[in-house]
Amino acid sequence: MLPEPASAGARRLVIIDDDKLFLRVFAVNLEAAGYMPRCFDDPEAALQAFIDGATADACVVDLDMPRLDGLAFLRALRAHGVNVPVIFVTSHSSPIFEEEALRAGAVDFVDKGRGPAIILHRIALVAQRRGDIAMPESREDVRLGKLLLRCQARRASWNGEEVPLSRSEFDVILLLASKAGTDIGYREIYDIIKGDGFLAGVGEEGYRANVRATIKRIRRKFDALDPDFLAIENYPGFGYRWRHHA
């Protein structure tokens, strides 16, 4: 079953894709899931709509578009002070494109080939975390050894270099780092990723595979900056911990 949108006020989505057929089909799927999509096949028109005051719970954007590609669109949005969460849904699934999108401030990056059900799940999870997207002004940065977590901006850096974490990956690191030296169970980590009570994987504890895959992905991103990265430790059969003196 697809997650429900967060609330009636959190169902407005702006969809931008120069593929008109994809737009029509995707809009039908969104409406069936309870969302109110507003579709644009011209990113420049969508940008102008936001500049003129349009609002949305999230903006779903294709990466490869003529005249104004997805990354340029996102940067233009931010330059005009528009902070709507942006999710890339694209056929360009290479990690290079994903890292560039996340560095630019996207909250998620989804391969179109994964199908409508997966895409809708990811959109719903962003909507459910809507309250977290607008972080409280008083939220302080977390500094721990080489790690810096800028909570308001949802950005992480290691030894002064930015780590291109997705939103959920940032939340996992924030959980581990805020409890450095403490063992955090698979279930608690998974609830940060997918929401309290959400189940996935095969069997009653299939969610463990999802957590392991997420941690592996996070480690790769830190390893790319520091081959000696050892801050995340595994507690076999239970979960993970962030080393106190990493």
C-alpha atoms as a PDB file:
ATOM      1  CA  MET A   1       0.000   0.000   0.000  1.00  0.00           C
ATOM      2  CA  LEU A   2       1.263   3.466  -0.857  1.00  0.00           C
ATOM      3  CA  PRO A   3       1.913   5.878   2.022  1.00  0.00           C
ATOM      4  CA  GLU A   4      -0.766   8.550   2.313  1.00  0.00           C
ATOM      5  CA  PRO A   5       0.224  12.161   1.696  1.00  0.00           C
ATOM      6  CA  ALA A   6       1.026  13.938   4.944  1.00  0.00           C
ATOM      7  CA  SER A   7      -2.164  15.995   5.011  1.00  0.00           C
ATOM      8  CA  ALA A   8      -4.650  17.756   2.774  1.00  0.00           C
ATOM      9  CA  GLY A   9      -2.412  20.820   2.898  1.00  0.00           C
ATOM     10  CA  ALA A  10       0.653  18.823   1.865  1.00  0.00           C
ATOM     11  CA  ARG A  11      -0.698  17.346  -1.365  1.00  0.00           C
ATOM     12  CA  ARG A  12       0.268  20.041  -3.853  1.00  0.00           C
ATOM     13  CA  LEU A  13       3.034  18.921  -6.187  1.00  0.00           C
ATOM     14  CA  VAL A  14       4.639  20.683  -9.133  1.00  0.00           C
ATOM     15  CA  ILE A  15       5.844  18.255 -11.812  1.00  0.00           C
ATOM     16  CA  ILE A  16       8.297  19.415 -14.485  1.00  0.00           C
ATOM     17  CA  ASP A  17       9.263  17.223 -17.426  1.00  0.00           C
ATOM     18  CA  ASP A  18       9.590  17.937 -21.143  1.00  0.00           C
ATOM     19  CA  ASP A  19       8.173  14.438 -21.868  1.00  0.00           C
ATOM     20  CA  LYS A  20       4.457  15.231 -22.189  1.00  0.00           C
ATOM     21  CA  LEU A  21       3.413  11.570 -22.197  1.00  0.00           C
ATOM     22  CA  PHE A  22       5.264  10.936 -18.943  1.00  0.00           C
ATOM     23  CA  LEU A  23       3.636  14.026 -17.451  1.00  0.00           C
ATOM     24  CA  ARG A  24       0.119  12.819 -18.321  1.00  0.00           C
ATOM     25  CA  VAL A  25       0.676   9.283 -17.029  1.00  0.00           C
ATOM     26  CA  PHE A  26       2.455  10.447 -13.891  1.00  0.00           C
ATOM     27  CA  ALA A  27      -0.261  13.002 -13.129  1.00  0.00           C
ATOM     28  CA  VAL A  28      -2.903  10.262 -13.290  1.00  0.00           C
ATOM     29  CA  ASN A  29      -0.900   8.157 -10.808  1.00  0.00           C
ATOM     30  CA  LEU A  30      -0.452  11.120  -8.479  1.00  0.00           C
ATOM     31  CA  GLU A  31      -4.144  12.010  -8.536  1.00  0.00           C
ATOM     32  CA  ALA A  32      -5.054   8.374  -7.792  1.00  0.00           C
ATOM     33  CA  ALA A  33      -2.735   8.549  -4.756  1.00  0.00           C
ATOM     34  CA  GLY A  34      -4.483  11.678  -3.453  1.00  0.00           C
ATOM     35  CA  TYR A  35      -2.149  14.414  -4.666  1.00  0.00           C
ATOM     36  CA  MET A  36      -2.950  17.579  -6.597  1.00  0.00           C
ATOM     37  CA  PRO A  37      -0.305  17.840  -9.326  1.00  0.00           C
ATOM     38  CA  ARG A  38       0.382  20.929 -11.389  1.00  0.00           C
ATOM     39  CA  CYS A  39       2.315  19.958 -14.515  1.00  0.00           C
ATOM     40  CA  PHE A  40       4.792  21.934 -16.616  1.00  0.00           C
ATOM     41  CA  ASP A  41       6.563  20.751 -19.771  1.00  0.00           C
ATOM     42  CA  ASP A  42       8.567  23.999 -19.801  1.00  0.00           C
ATOM     43  CA  PRO A  43      10.962  24.507 -16.843  1.00  0.00           C
ATOM     44  CA  GLU A  44      11.221  28.226 -17.532  1.00  0.00           C
ATOM     45  CA  ALA A  45       7.441  28.583 -17.166  1.00  0.00           C
ATOM     46  CA  ALA A  46       7.578  26.597 -13.921  1.00  0.00           C
ATOM     47  CA  LEU A  47      10.371  28.797 -12.593  1.00  0.00           C
ATOM     48  CA  GLN A  48       8.388  31.923 -13.391  1.00  0.00           C
ATOM     49  CA  ALA A  49       5.343  30.467 -11.627  1.00  0.00           C
ATOM     50  CA  PHE A  50       7.380  30.018  -8.434  1.00  0.00           C
ATOM     51  CA  ILE A  51       8.890  33.491  -8.752  1.00  0.00           C
ATOM     52  CA  ASP A  52       5.350  34.845  -9.080  1.00  0.00           C
ATOM     53  CA  GLY A  53       4.349  33.180  -5.798  1.00  0.00           C
ATOM     54  CA  ALA A  54       3.293  29.615  -6.617  1.00  0.00           C
ATOM     55  CA  THR A  55       3.701  27.201  -3.708  1.00  0.00           C
ATOM     56  CA  ALA A  56       3.899  23.413  -3.418  1.00  0.00           C
ATOM     57  CA  ASP A  57       4.700  20.714  -0.918  1.00  0.00           C
ATOM     58  CA  ALA A  58       7.397  19.419  -3.270  1.00  0.00           C
ATOM     59  CA  CYS A  59       8.657  19.871  -6.814  1.00  0.00           C
ATOM     60  CA  VAL A  60       9.408  16.795  -8.951  1.00  0.00           C
ATOM     61  CA  VAL A  61      11.869  17.633 -11.725  1.00  0.00           C
ATOM     62  CA  ASP A  62      13.417  15.837 -14.684  1.00  0.00           C
ATOM     63  CA  LEU A  63      17.181  16.231 -14.989  1.00  0.00           C
ATOM     64  CA  ASP A  64      17.662  16.465 -18.765  1.00  0.00           C
ATOM     65  CA  MET A  65      15.511  19.218 -20.287  1.00  0.00           C
ATOM     66  CA  PRO A  66      16.138  21.730 -23.102  1.00  0.00           C
ATOM     67  CA  ARG A  67      17.056  25.376 -22.417  1.00  0.00           C
ATOM     68  CA  LEU A  68      16.968  24.955 -18.634  1.00  0.00           C
ATOM     69  CA  ASP A  69      18.002  21.567 -17.261  1.00  0.00           C
ATOM     70  CA  GLY A  70      16.976  20.275 -13.847  1.00  0.00           C
ATOM     71  CA  LEU A  71      20.128  21.367 -12.023  1.00  0.00           C
ATOM     72  CA  ALA A  72      19.977  24.856 -13.532  1.00  0.00           C
ATOM     73  CA  PHE A  73      16.288  25.027 -12.569  1.00  0.00           C
ATOM     74  CA  LEU A  74      17.083  24.098  -8.948  1.00  0.00           C
ATOM     75  CA  ARG A  75      19.885  26.641  -8.710  1.00  0.00           C
ATOM     76  CA  ALA A  76      17.631  29.333 -10.190  1.00  0.00           C
ATOM     77  CA  LEU A  77      14.924  28.490  -7.645  1.00  0.00           C
ATOM     78  CA  ARG A  78      17.346  28.914  -4.763  1.00  0.00           C
ATOM     79  CA  ALA A  79      18.771  32.127  -6.253  1.00  0.00           C
ATOM     80  CA  HIS A  80      15.246  33.570  -6.111  1.00  0.00           C
ATOM     81  CA  GLY A  81      14.791  32.446  -2.507  1.00  0.00           C
ATOM     82  CA  VAL A  82      12.344  29.626  -3.283  1.00  0.00           C
ATOM     83  CA  ASN A  83      12.944  26.768  -0.829  1.00  0.00           C
ATOM     84  CA  VAL A  84      10.440  24.170  -2.037  1.00  0.00           C
ATOM     85  CA  PRO A  85      11.884  20.615  -1.654  1.00  0.00           C
ATOM     86  CA  VAL A  86      13.066  19.310  -5.044  1.00  0.00           C
ATOM     87  CA  ILE A  87      13.033  15.631  -6.010  1.00  0.00           C
ATOM     88  CA  PHE A  88      14.754  14.558  -9.225  1.00  0.00           C
ATOM     89  CA  VAL A  89      13.009  11.781 -11.165  1.00  0.00           C
ATOM     90  CA  THR A  90      15.181  10.938 -14.141  1.00  0.00           C
ATOM     91  CA  SER A  91      16.495   8.319 -16.535  1.00  0.00           C
ATOM     92  CA  HIS A  92      20.049   9.474 -15.764  1.00  0.00           C
ATOM     93  CA  SER A  93      20.626   7.178 -12.782  1.00  0.00           C
ATOM     94  CA  SER A  94      24.432   7.405 -12.700  1.00  0.00           C
ATOM     95  CA  PRO A  95      25.885   8.167  -9.223  1.00  0.00           C
ATOM     96  CA  ILE A  96      27.680  11.143 -10.804  1.00  0.00           C
ATOM     97  CA  PHE A  97      24.352  12.802 -11.608  1.00  0.00           C
ATOM     98  CA  GLU A  98      22.907  11.840  -8.223  1.00  0.00           C
ATOM     99  CA  GLU A  99      25.832  13.349  -6.317  1.00  0.00           C
ATOM    100  CA  GLU A 100      25.645  16.566  -8.344  1.00  0.00           C
ATOM    101  CA  ALA A 101      21.906  16.852  -7.681  1.00  0.00           C
ATOM    102  CA  LEU A 102      22.320  16.291  -3.949  1.00  0.00           C
ATOM    103  CA  ARG A 103      25.170  18.798  -3.779  1.00  0.00           C
ATOM    104  CA  ALA A 104      22.856  21.320  -5.437  1.00  0.00           C
ATOM    105  CA  GLY A 105      20.293  20.772  -2.658  1.00  0.00           C
ATOM    106  CA  ALA A 106      17.870  18.128  -3.971  1.00  0.00           C
ATOM    107  CA  VAL A 107      16.161  16.095  -1.236  1.00  0.00           C
ATOM    108  CA  ASP A 108      15.975  12.891  -3.304  1.00  0.00           C
ATOM    109  CA  PHE A 109      17.007  11.385  -6.638  1.00  0.00           C
ATOM    110  CA  VAL A 110      14.904   8.589  -8.161  1.00  0.00           C
ATOM    111  CA  ASP A 111      15.450   6.501 -11.304  1.00  0.00           C
ATOM    112  CA  LYS A 112      12.365   6.615 -13.558  1.00  0.00           C
ATOM    113  CA  GLY A 113      12.971   2.971 -14.393  1.00  0.00           C
ATOM    114  CA  ARG A 114      11.977   1.940 -10.866  1.00  0.00           C
ATOM    115  CA  GLY A 115       8.329   2.533 -11.783  1.00  0.00           C
ATOM    116  CA  PRO A 116       5.417   4.657 -10.514  1.00  0.00           C
ATOM    117  CA  ALA A 117       4.905   2.776  -7.231  1.00  0.00           C
ATOM    118  CA  ILE A 118       8.482   3.373  -6.033  1.00  0.00           C
ATOM    119  CA  ILE A 119       8.446   6.989  -7.198  1.00  0.00           C
ATOM    120  CA  LEU A 120       5.177   7.611  -5.332  1.00  0.00           C
ATOM    121  CA  HIS A 121       6.605   6.010  -2.193  1.00  0.00           C
ATOM    122  CA  ARG A 122       9.580   8.345  -2.276  1.00  0.00           C
ATOM    123  CA  ILE A 123       7.398  11.416  -2.839  1.00  0.00           C
ATOM    124  CA  ALA A 124       5.114  10.391   0.032  1.00  0.00           C
ATOM    125  CA  LEU A 125       8.085   9.978   2.368  1.00  0.00           C
ATOM    126  CA  VAL A 126       9.273  13.498   1.562  1.00  0.00           C
ATOM    127  CA  ALA A 127       5.736  14.772   2.253  1.00  0.00           C
ATOM    128  CA  GLN A 128       5.625  12.900   5.561  1.00  0.00           C
ATOM    129  CA  ARG A 129       8.898  14.537   6.606  1.00  0.00           C
ATOM    130  CA  ARG A 130       7.625  17.954   5.571  1.00  0.00           C
ATOM    131  CA  GLY A 131       7.889  19.304   9.092  1.00  0.00           C
ATOM    132  CA  ASP A 132      11.569  18.330   9.158  1.00  0.00           C
ATOM    133  CA  ILE A 133      12.324  19.983   5.825  1.00  0.00           C
ATOM    134  CA  ALA A 134      11.759  23.420   7.327  1.00  0.00           C
ATOM    135  CA  MET A 135      14.182  23.001  10.224  1.00  0.00           C
ATOM    136  CA  PRO A 136      13.734  25.171  13.328  1.00  0.00           C
ATOM    137  CA  GLU A 137      15.993  28.214  13.320  1.00  0.00           C
ATOM    138  CA  SER A 138      17.366  27.229  16.741  1.00  0.00           C
ATOM    139  CA  ARG A 139      18.655  23.843  15.547  1.00  0.00           C
ATOM    140  CA  GLU A 140      22.399  23.927  16.260  1.00  0.00           C
ATOM    141  CA  ASP A 141      25.163  22.473  14.124  1.00  0.00           C
ATOM    142  CA  VAL A 142      26.742  19.214  15.253  1.00  0.00           C
ATOM    143  CA  ARG A 143      30.537  19.092  15.350  1.00  0.00           C
ATOM    144  CA  LEU A 144      32.286  15.828  16.112  1.00  0.00           C
ATOM    145  CA  GLY A 145      35.935  15.438  15.144  1.00  0.00           C
ATOM    146  CA  LYS A 146      36.176  15.814  11.348  1.00  0.00           C
ATOM    147  CA  LEU A 147      32.385  15.754  11.003  1.00  0.00           C
ATOM    148  CA  LEU A 148      30.258  18.882  10.722  1.00  0.00           C
ATOM    149  CA  LEU A 149      26.476  18.624  10.361  1.00  0.00           C
ATOM    150  CA  ARG A 150      24.740  21.872   9.453  1.00  0.00           C
ATOM    151  CA  CYS A 151      21.251  20.942  10.580  1.00  0.00           C
ATOM    152  CA  GLN A 152      19.362  23.933   9.243  1.00  0.00           C
ATOM    153  CA  ALA A 153      20.812  23.471   5.740  1.00  0.00           C
ATOM    154  CA  ARG A 154      20.811  19.652   6.030  1.00  0.00           C
ATOM    155  CA  ARG A 155      24.417  19.523   4.796  1.00  0.00           C
ATOM    156  CA  ALA A 156      27.313  17.396   6.018  1.00  0.00           C
ATOM    157  CA  SER A 157      31.051  17.905   5.645  1.00  0.00           C
ATOM    158  CA  TRP A 158      34.036  15.746   6.545  1.00  0.00           C
ATOM    159  CA  ASN A 159      37.387  17.389   7.204  1.00  0.00           C
ATOM    160  CA  GLY A 160      36.117  20.517   5.455  1.00  0.00           C
ATOM    161  CA  GLU A 161      34.785  18.764   2.328  1.00  0.00           C
ATOM    162  CA  GLU A 162      31.076  18.447   1.627  1.00  0.00           C
ATOM    163  CA  VAL A 163      29.601  14.931   1.694  1.00  0.00           C
ATOM    164  CA  PRO A 164      26.778  14.560  -0.895  1.00  0.00           C
ATOM    165  CA  LEU A 165      24.243  12.892   1.394  1.00  0.00           C
ATOM    166  CA  SER A 166      20.567  12.537   0.567  1.00  0.00           C
ATOM    167  CA  ARG A 167      18.065  13.792   3.128  1.00  0.00           C
ATOM    168  CA  SER A 168      17.512  10.363   4.680  1.00  0.00           C
ATOM    169  CA  GLU A 169      21.273   9.664   4.723  1.00  0.00           C
ATOM    170  CA  PHE A 170      21.840  12.968   6.528  1.00  0.00           C
ATOM    171  CA  ASP A 171      19.207  11.973   9.108  1.00  0.00           C
ATOM    172  CA  VAL A 172      20.974   8.644   9.703  1.00  0.00           C
ATOM    173  CA  ILE A 173      24.324  10.368  10.269  1.00  0.00           C
ATOM    174  CA  LEU A 174      22.662  12.925  12.557  1.00  0.00           C
ATOM    175  CA  LEU A 175      21.156  10.072  14.606  1.00  0.00           C
ATOM    176  CA  LEU A 176      24.454   8.184  14.882  1.00  0.00           C
ATOM    177  CA  ALA A 177      26.603  11.257  15.569  1.00  0.00           C
ATOM    178  CA  SER A 178      24.225  12.687  18.167  1.00  0.00           C
ATOM    179  CA  LYS A 179      24.577   9.394  20.073  1.00  0.00           C
ATOM    180  CA  ALA A 180      28.282   8.838  19.362  1.00  0.00           C
ATOM    181  CA  GLY A 181      29.669   5.791  21.143  1.00  0.00           C
ATOM    182  CA  THR A 182      26.174   4.333  21.608  1.00  0.00           C
ATOM    183  CA  ASP A 183      24.951   1.300  19.673  1.00  0.00           C
ATOM    184  CA  ILE A 184      21.894   2.176  17.569  1.00  0.00           C
ATOM    185  CA  GLY A 185      19.641  -0.704  16.500  1.00  0.00           C
ATOM    186  CA  TYR A 186      18.594  -1.515  12.940  1.00  0.00           C
ATOM    187  CA  ARG A 187      14.962  -0.693  13.740  1.00  0.00           C
ATOM    188  CA  GLU A 188      15.708   2.788  15.069  1.00  0.00           C
ATOM    189  CA  ILE A 189      17.856   3.585  12.041  1.00  0.00           C
ATOM    190  CA  TYR A 190      15.203   2.266   9.681  1.00  0.00           C
ATOM    191  CA  ASP A 191      12.480   4.350  11.311  1.00  0.00           C
ATOM    192  CA  ILE A 192      14.605   7.440  10.628  1.00  0.00           C
ATOM    193  CA  ILE A 193      14.821   6.455   6.952  1.00  0.00           C
ATOM    194  CA  LYS A 194      11.250   5.355   6.287  1.00  0.00           C
ATOM    195  CA  GLY A 195       9.116   6.550   9.188  1.00  0.00           C
ATOM    196  CA  ASP A 196       7.997   4.900  12.398  1.00  0.00           C
ATOM    197  CA  GLY A 197       6.356   1.519  11.860  1.00  0.00           C
ATOM    198  CA  PHE A 198       7.088   1.254   8.124  1.00  0.00           C
ATOM    199  CA  LEU A 199       8.209  -2.248   7.094  1.00  0.00           C
ATOM    200  CA  ALA A 200      10.135  -3.392   4.048  1.00  0.00           C
ATOM    201  CA  GLY A 201      12.260  -6.273   2.880  1.00  0.00           C
ATOM    202  CA  VAL A 202      11.543  -9.985   3.109  1.00  0.00           C
ATOM    203  CA  GLY A 203      10.353 -11.385   6.436  1.00  0.00           C
ATOM    204  CA  GLU A 204       9.653  -9.760   9.767  1.00  0.00           C
ATOM    205  CA  GLU A 205      13.128  -8.237  10.008  1.00  0.00           C
ATOM    206  CA  GLY A 206      13.704  -7.660   6.311  1.00  0.00           C
ATOM    207  CA  TYR A 207      14.248  -3.963   6.988  1.00  0.00           C
ATOM    208  CA  ARG A 208      17.775  -4.833   8.159  1.00  0.00           C
ATOM    209  CA  ALA A 209      18.833  -5.280   4.518  1.00  0.00           C
ATOM    210  CA  ASN A 210      17.593  -1.761   3.747  1.00  0.00           C
ATOM    211  CA  VAL A 211      19.612  -0.343   6.639  1.00  0.00           C
ATOM    212  CA  ARG A 212      22.753  -2.211   5.602  1.00  0.00           C
ATOM    213  CA  ALA A 213      22.368  -0.935   2.019  1.00  0.00           C
ATOM    214  CA  THR A 214      21.927   2.642   3.283  1.00  0.00           C
ATOM    215  CA  ILE A 215      24.981   2.447   5.539  1.00  0.00           C
ATOM    216  CA  LYS A 216      27.035   0.959   2.700  1.00  0.00           C
ATOM    217  CA  ARG A 217      25.990   3.843   0.443  1.00  0.00           C
ATOM    218  CA  ILE A 218      26.854   6.404   3.140  1.00  0.00           C
ATOM    219  CA  ARG A 219      30.261   4.826   3.779  1.00  0.00           C
ATOM    220  CA  ARG A 220      31.103   4.971   0.074  1.00  0.00           C
ATOM    221  CA  LYS A 221      30.448   8.718   0.065  1.00  0.00           C
ATOM    222  CA  PHE A 222      32.736   9.291   3.057  1.00  0.00           C
ATOM    223  CA  ASP A 223      35.349   6.881   1.647  1.00  0.00           C
ATOM    224  CA  ALA A 224      35.480   8.935  -1.556  1.00  0.00           C
ATOM    225  CA  LEU A 225      36.717  11.866   0.531  1.00  0.00           C
ATOM    226  CA  ASP A 226      38.797   9.912   3.039  1.00  0.00           C
ATOM    227  CA  PRO A 227      40.007   6.365   2.259  1.00  0.00           C
ATOM    228  CA  ASP A 228      40.784   5.930   5.977  1.00  0.00           C
ATOM    229  CA  PHE A 229      37.211   6.686   7.071  1.00  0.00           C
ATOM    230  CA  LEU A 230      36.289   4.363   9.953  1.00  0.00           C
ATOM    231  CA  ALA A 231      33.768   6.417  11.926  1.00  0.00           C
ATOM    232  CA  ILE A 232      30.805   4.080  11.386  1.00  0.00           C
ATOM    233  CA  GLU A 233      31.178   0.754  13.169  1.00  0.00           C
ATOM    234  CA  ASN A 234      28.922  -2.264  12.890  1.00  0.00           C
ATOM    235  CA  TYR A 235      27.630  -4.067  15.970  1.00  0.00           C
ATOM    236  CA  PRO A 236      26.881  -7.480  14.388  1.00  0.00           C
ATOM    237  CA  GLY A 237      23.293  -8.584  14.860  1.00  0.00           C
ATOM    238  CA  PHE A 238      22.206  -5.282  16.414  1.00  0.00           C
ATOM    239  CA  GLY A 239      23.057  -2.192  14.416  1.00  0.00           C
ATOM    240  CA  TYR A 240      25.705   0.535  14.114  1.00  0.00           C
ATOM    241  CA  ARG A 241      27.531   3.179  16.137  1.00  0.00           C
ATOM    242  CA  TRP A 242      29.491   6.370  15.443  1.00  0.00           C
ATOM    243  CA  ARG A 243      32.951   6.198  17.027  1.00  0.00           C
ATOM    244  CA  HIS A 244      33.530   8.823  19.704  1.00  0.00           C
ATOM    245  CA  HIS A 245      37.006   9.731  18.513  1.00  0.00           C
ATOM    246  CA  ALA A 246      36.517   9.374  14.752  1.00  0.00           C
END
